[in-house]
Each structure stands twice: as C-alpha cells, then as structure tokens.
C-alpha cells in the first residue's frame, strides 16, 4: 500500500514539471504503475493544475528572484527582459483562450500560463483554459497508452 502512495506522489509531482507534465506521467501511470486510466488522468491533471496555479501567481516573483541571483553572480545589473515578441504576436492573433489551450499542446502549460498572465489576461480565464488544454492532451495520452499498452509491454518485456 505504501508503494501505491509513492506512485501517486510520483505522478502528481512529475506532472508539475514543465515539458514533462501529462506527456510522461499519464503513460507512466497507466503502463508502468497499472493505474486505471481515469485515476491516472485525475492525478496528473491535478498535479499539472497545481503547478499552473503556482506559475500564474508566483511566476513573476520567482523570475525576479532568479534574475537577482543570476545578476549577483555575474556582478552586473541587467534590466528585466521584455516579453518575447513571438509570444506577444501569438497572443494578439489567437487571444488568451487560444494561447492557453495551445501552450499545453505546443510547449508547456505552466510557462504559457505565466507568460499570458504577464500580458494582462484574466487569471481565472488563463487557469481554466490552460487546464482544459492540458486535460485534452492528458486524455489523448491516456487513449494512446491504453491502445498501445500491449505493444509497449511486449517491447519492454514488462
């Protein structure tokens, strides 16, 4: 039973890591840990949603802290960097909803949510649409994992 809790914690915390998120945790939970797909989805989506929340509300402060530490070691002061023009043009083209949804698919939901929040989008709207995008990716990964489970198990000899 203790091992099961560690597996839940692993899925929850790894789903908080940008770029790994549900891409790694959902297949791992379903194929390696033998979680039912619905349980794997819930744990991974909750972990990702928690990290999106942290990035949205504390991302700016965390970025300032890392810049301060980085500049201390470099012994020089750099002005804070402005938002990437590509992110700004994508935001202008697709709006907050489109960028939030697409960020989960294209790169990282946490980084996308943090960037869009700094552009002035509503935090609640960013949170909802980023999590809907991450949930869509999680469902696709769960379907692929269930369909490919036997093939992967045969290849890895699990």
C-alpha atoms as a PDB file:
ATOM      1  CA  UNK A   1       0.000   0.000   0.000  1.00  0.00           C
ATOM      2  CA  UNK A   2       2.881   2.350   0.796  1.00  0.00           C
ATOM      3  CA  UNK A   3       4.244   1.780  -2.701  1.00  0.00           C
ATOM      4  CA  UNK A   4       0.912   2.871  -4.174  1.00  0.00           C
ATOM      5  CA  UNK A   5       1.106   6.204  -2.336  1.00  0.00           C
ATOM      6  CA  UNK A   6       4.626   6.763  -3.655  1.00  0.00           C
ATOM      7  CA  UNK A   7       3.385   6.066  -7.170  1.00  0.00           C
ATOM      8  CA  UNK A   8       0.549   8.572  -6.745  1.00  0.00           C
ATOM      9  CA  UNK A   9       3.014  11.150  -5.422  1.00  0.00           C
ATOM     10  CA  UNK A  10       5.396  10.462  -8.312  1.00  0.00           C
ATOM     11  CA  UNK A  11       2.653  11.019 -10.894  1.00  0.00           C
ATOM     12  CA  UNK A  12       1.400  14.129  -9.100  1.00  0.00           C
ATOM     13  CA  UNK A  13       4.799  15.802  -8.706  1.00  0.00           C
ATOM     14  CA  UNK A  14       6.241  14.866 -12.100  1.00  0.00           C
ATOM     15  CA  UNK A  15       3.121  16.274 -13.746  1.00  0.00           C
ATOM     16  CA  UNK A  16       4.115  19.589 -12.173  1.00  0.00           C
ATOM     17  CA  UNK A  17       7.386  19.707 -14.125  1.00  0.00           C
ATOM     18  CA  UNK A  18       7.244  21.861 -17.264  1.00  0.00           C
ATOM     19  CA  UNK A  19       7.679  19.963 -20.535  1.00  0.00           C
ATOM     20  CA  UNK A  20       7.099  16.573 -18.851  1.00  0.00           C
ATOM     21  CA  UNK A  21       3.622  17.200 -17.493  1.00  0.00           C
ATOM     22  CA  UNK A  22       0.981  14.804 -18.763  1.00  0.00           C
ATOM     23  CA  UNK A  23       3.136  13.662 -21.688  1.00  0.00           C
ATOM     24  CA  UNK A  24       5.198  11.492 -19.340  1.00  0.00           C
ATOM     25  CA  UNK A  25       3.016  10.944 -16.304  1.00  0.00           C
ATOM     26  CA  UNK A  26      -0.165   9.607 -17.894  1.00  0.00           C
ATOM     27  CA  UNK A  27       1.565   6.819 -19.888  1.00  0.00           C
ATOM     28  CA  UNK A  28       3.792   6.016 -16.898  1.00  0.00           C
ATOM     29  CA  UNK A  29       0.816   5.761 -14.571  1.00  0.00           C
ATOM     30  CA  UNK A  30      -1.183   3.592 -16.953  1.00  0.00           C
ATOM     31  CA  UNK A  31       1.534   1.341 -18.380  1.00  0.00           C
ATOM     32  CA  UNK A  32       4.140   1.101 -15.619  1.00  0.00           C
ATOM     33  CA  UNK A  33       2.073   1.577 -12.463  1.00  0.00           C
ATOM     34  CA  UNK A  34      -1.106  -0.101 -13.795  1.00  0.00           C
ATOM     35  CA  UNK A  35      -3.370   2.732 -12.702  1.00  0.00           C
ATOM     36  CA  UNK A  36      -6.842   2.759 -14.202  1.00  0.00           C
ATOM     37  CA  UNK A  37      -6.849   5.419 -16.962  1.00  0.00           C
ATOM     38  CA  UNK A  38      -9.376   7.621 -15.137  1.00  0.00           C
ATOM     39  CA  UNK A  39      -7.282   7.637 -11.955  1.00  0.00           C
ATOM     40  CA  UNK A  40      -4.120   8.412 -13.932  1.00  0.00           C
ATOM     41  CA  UNK A  41      -5.894  11.316 -15.619  1.00  0.00           C
ATOM     42  CA  UNK A  42      -7.203  12.770 -12.365  1.00  0.00           C
ATOM     43  CA  UNK A  43      -3.846  12.622 -10.547  1.00  0.00           C
ATOM     44  CA  UNK A  44      -1.846  14.008 -13.485  1.00  0.00           C
ATOM     45  CA  UNK A  45      -4.337  16.790 -14.246  1.00  0.00           C
ATOM     46  CA  UNK A  46      -4.487  17.837 -10.579  1.00  0.00           C
ATOM     47  CA  UNK A  47      -0.685  17.966 -10.366  1.00  0.00           C
ATOM     48  CA  UNK A  48      -0.477  19.999 -13.547  1.00  0.00           C
ATOM     49  CA  UNK A  49      -3.279  22.338 -12.418  1.00  0.00           C
ATOM     50  CA  UNK A  50      -1.492  22.949  -9.116  1.00  0.00           C
ATOM     51  CA  UNK A  51       1.741  23.888 -10.885  1.00  0.00           C
ATOM     52  CA  UNK A  52      -0.125  26.138 -13.353  1.00  0.00           C
ATOM     53  CA  UNK A  53      -1.636  27.903 -10.350  1.00  0.00           C
ATOM     54  CA  UNK A  54       1.825  28.358  -8.802  1.00  0.00           C
ATOM     55  CA  UNK A  55       3.329  29.655 -12.060  1.00  0.00           C
ATOM     56  CA  UNK A  56       0.462  32.100 -12.585  1.00  0.00           C
ATOM     57  CA  UNK A  57       0.528  33.629  -9.128  1.00  0.00           C
ATOM     58  CA  UNK A  58       4.205  33.351  -8.229  1.00  0.00           C
ATOM     59  CA  UNK A  59       5.898  33.190 -11.640  1.00  0.00           C
ATOM     60  CA  UNK A  60       6.795  36.858 -11.772  1.00  0.00           C
ATOM     61  CA  UNK A  61       8.268  36.795  -8.273  1.00  0.00           C
ATOM     62  CA  UNK A  62      10.185  33.579  -8.982  1.00  0.00           C
ATOM     63  CA  UNK A  63      11.553  35.082 -12.207  1.00  0.00           C
ATOM     64  CA  UNK A  64      12.672  38.229 -10.342  1.00  0.00           C
ATOM     65  CA  UNK A  65      14.372  36.076  -7.690  1.00  0.00           C
ATOM     66  CA  UNK A  66      16.254  34.001 -10.283  1.00  0.00           C
ATOM     67  CA  UNK A  67      17.305  37.173 -12.138  1.00  0.00           C
ATOM     68  CA  UNK A  68      18.510  38.711  -8.879  1.00  0.00           C
ATOM     69  CA  UNK A  69      20.561  35.613  -8.017  1.00  0.00           C
ATOM     70  CA  UNK A  70      21.894  35.358 -11.576  1.00  0.00           C
ATOM     71  CA  UNK A  71      22.897  39.030 -11.645  1.00  0.00           C
ATOM     72  CA  UNK A  72      24.558  38.711  -8.228  1.00  0.00           C
ATOM     73  CA  UNK A  73      26.881  36.031  -9.573  1.00  0.00           C
ATOM     74  CA  UNK A  74      27.539  37.998 -12.761  1.00  0.00           C
ATOM     75  CA  UNK A  75      28.253  41.152 -10.733  1.00  0.00           C
ATOM     76  CA  UNK A  76      26.206  43.278 -13.079  1.00  0.00           C
ATOM     77  CA  UNK A  77      22.670  44.505 -13.240  1.00  0.00           C
ATOM     78  CA  UNK A  78      20.612  43.703 -16.287  1.00  0.00           C
ATOM     79  CA  UNK A  79      17.288  45.279 -16.934  1.00  0.00           C
ATOM     80  CA  UNK A  80      14.406  42.811 -16.873  1.00  0.00           C
ATOM     81  CA  UNK A  81      13.772  41.274 -20.255  1.00  0.00           C
ATOM     82  CA  UNK A  82      10.602  42.143 -22.070  1.00  0.00           C
ATOM     83  CA  UNK A  83       8.129  39.548 -23.232  1.00  0.00           C
ATOM     84  CA  UNK A  84       9.160  37.586 -26.290  1.00  0.00           C
ATOM     85  CA  UNK A  85       7.710  39.288 -29.399  1.00  0.00           C
ATOM     86  CA  UNK A  86       6.636  35.920 -30.815  1.00  0.00           C
ATOM     87  CA  UNK A  87       4.564  35.182 -27.717  1.00  0.00           C
ATOM     88  CA  UNK A  88       3.056  38.675 -27.902  1.00  0.00           C
ATOM     89  CA  UNK A  89       2.162  38.291 -31.603  1.00  0.00           C
ATOM     90  CA  UNK A  90       0.642  34.846 -30.940  1.00  0.00           C
ATOM     91  CA  UNK A  91      -1.351  36.362 -28.087  1.00  0.00           C
ATOM     92  CA  UNK A  92      -2.593  39.133 -30.373  1.00  0.00           C
ATOM     93  CA  UNK A  93      -3.517  36.619 -33.085  1.00  0.00           C
ATOM     94  CA  UNK A  94      -5.237  33.869 -31.075  1.00  0.00           C
ATOM     95  CA  UNK A  95      -6.216  35.665 -27.881  1.00  0.00           C
ATOM     96  CA  UNK A  96      -5.786  34.409 -24.350  1.00  0.00           C
ATOM     97  CA  UNK A  97      -8.020  31.368 -24.814  1.00  0.00           C
ATOM     98  CA  UNK A  98      -6.183  30.155 -27.909  1.00  0.00           C
ATOM     99  CA  UNK A  99      -2.709  30.646 -26.460  1.00  0.00           C
ATOM    100  CA  UNK A 100      -3.664  28.985 -23.165  1.00  0.00           C
ATOM    101  CA  UNK A 101      -5.118  25.974 -24.943  1.00  0.00           C
ATOM    102  CA  UNK A 102      -2.254  25.710 -27.449  1.00  0.00           C
ATOM    103  CA  UNK A 103       0.509  26.168 -24.867  1.00  0.00           C
ATOM    104  CA  UNK A 104      -0.372  22.807 -23.331  1.00  0.00           C
ATOM    105  CA  UNK A 105      -0.032  21.147 -26.712  1.00  0.00           C
ATOM    106  CA  UNK A 106       2.973  23.004 -28.117  1.00  0.00           C
ATOM    107  CA  UNK A 107       5.335  23.568 -25.215  1.00  0.00           C
ATOM    108  CA  UNK A 108       4.396  23.870 -21.542  1.00  0.00           C
ATOM    109  CA  UNK A 109       1.158  24.795 -19.858  1.00  0.00           C
ATOM    110  CA  UNK A 110       2.962  26.352 -16.885  1.00  0.00           C
ATOM    111  CA  UNK A 111       5.172  28.604 -18.958  1.00  0.00           C
ATOM    112  CA  UNK A 112       2.301  29.525 -21.256  1.00  0.00           C
ATOM    113  CA  UNK A 113       0.065  30.439 -18.318  1.00  0.00           C
ATOM    114  CA  UNK A 114       2.798  32.522 -16.712  1.00  0.00           C
ATOM    115  CA  UNK A 115       3.546  34.363 -19.954  1.00  0.00           C
ATOM    116  CA  UNK A 116      -0.078  35.066 -20.795  1.00  0.00           C
ATOM    117  CA  UNK A 117      -0.786  36.292 -17.269  1.00  0.00           C
ATOM    118  CA  UNK A 118       2.043  38.830 -17.608  1.00  0.00           C
ATOM    119  CA  UNK A 119       0.382  40.107 -20.790  1.00  0.00           C
ATOM    120  CA  UNK A 120      -2.653  41.078 -18.770  1.00  0.00           C
ATOM    121  CA  UNK A 121      -5.082  38.225 -19.421  1.00  0.00           C
ATOM    122  CA  UNK A 122      -7.572  37.309 -16.726  1.00  0.00           C
ATOM    123  CA  UNK A 123      -6.010  34.842 -14.297  1.00  0.00           C
ATOM    124  CA  UNK A 124      -9.187  32.841 -13.929  1.00  0.00           C
ATOM    125  CA  UNK A 125      -9.613  32.601 -17.711  1.00  0.00           C
ATOM    126  CA  UNK A 126      -5.953  31.595 -18.124  1.00  0.00           C
ATOM    127  CA  UNK A 127      -6.257  28.964 -15.407  1.00  0.00           C
ATOM    128  CA  UNK A 128      -9.427  27.442 -16.849  1.00  0.00           C
ATOM    129  CA  UNK A 129      -8.312  27.331 -20.488  1.00  0.00           C
ATOM    130  CA  UNK A 130      -4.788  26.152 -19.720  1.00  0.00           C
ATOM    131  CA  UNK A 131      -6.203  23.273 -17.705  1.00  0.00           C
ATOM    132  CA  UNK A 132      -8.701  22.425 -20.423  1.00  0.00           C
ATOM    133  CA  UNK A 133      -5.802  22.238 -22.903  1.00  0.00           C
ATOM    134  CA  UNK A 134      -3.719  20.102 -20.534  1.00  0.00           C
ATOM    135  CA  UNK A 135      -6.726  17.862 -19.902  1.00  0.00           C
ATOM    136  CA  UNK A 136      -7.218  17.383 -23.634  1.00  0.00           C
ATOM    137  CA  UNK A 137      -3.580  16.359 -24.004  1.00  0.00           C
ATOM    138  CA  UNK A 138      -3.923  14.028 -20.995  1.00  0.00           C
ATOM    139  CA  UNK A 139      -6.979  12.316 -22.497  1.00  0.00           C
ATOM    140  CA  UNK A 140      -5.155  11.803 -25.813  1.00  0.00           C
ATOM    141  CA  UNK A 141      -2.137  10.383 -23.966  1.00  0.00           C
ATOM    142  CA  UNK A 142      -4.408   8.063 -21.941  1.00  0.00           C
ATOM    143  CA  UNK A 143      -6.114   6.773 -25.089  1.00  0.00           C
ATOM    144  CA  UNK A 144      -2.752   6.205 -26.776  1.00  0.00           C
ATOM    145  CA  UNK A 145      -1.414   4.494 -23.659  1.00  0.00           C
ATOM    146  CA  UNK A 146      -4.360   2.136 -23.360  1.00  0.00           C
ATOM    147  CA  UNK A 147      -4.275   1.292 -27.062  1.00  0.00           C
ATOM    148  CA  UNK A 148      -0.514   0.796 -27.115  1.00  0.00           C
ATOM    149  CA  UNK A 149      -0.115  -0.838 -23.701  1.00  0.00           C
ATOM    150  CA  UNK A 150       0.204  -4.376 -25.015  1.00  0.00           C
ATOM    151  CA  UNK A 151       2.680  -3.342 -27.702  1.00  0.00           C
ATOM    152  CA  UNK A 152       4.816  -1.365 -25.262  1.00  0.00           C
ATOM    153  CA  UNK A 153       4.681  -4.177 -22.700  1.00  0.00           C
ATOM    154  CA  UNK A 154       5.829  -6.671 -25.311  1.00  0.00           C
ATOM    155  CA  UNK A 155       8.661  -4.388 -26.434  1.00  0.00           C
ATOM    156  CA  UNK A 156       9.935  -3.648 -22.940  1.00  0.00           C
ATOM    157  CA  UNK A 157       9.120  -7.110 -21.544  1.00  0.00           C
ATOM    158  CA  UNK A 158       7.244  -5.757 -18.543  1.00  0.00           C
END
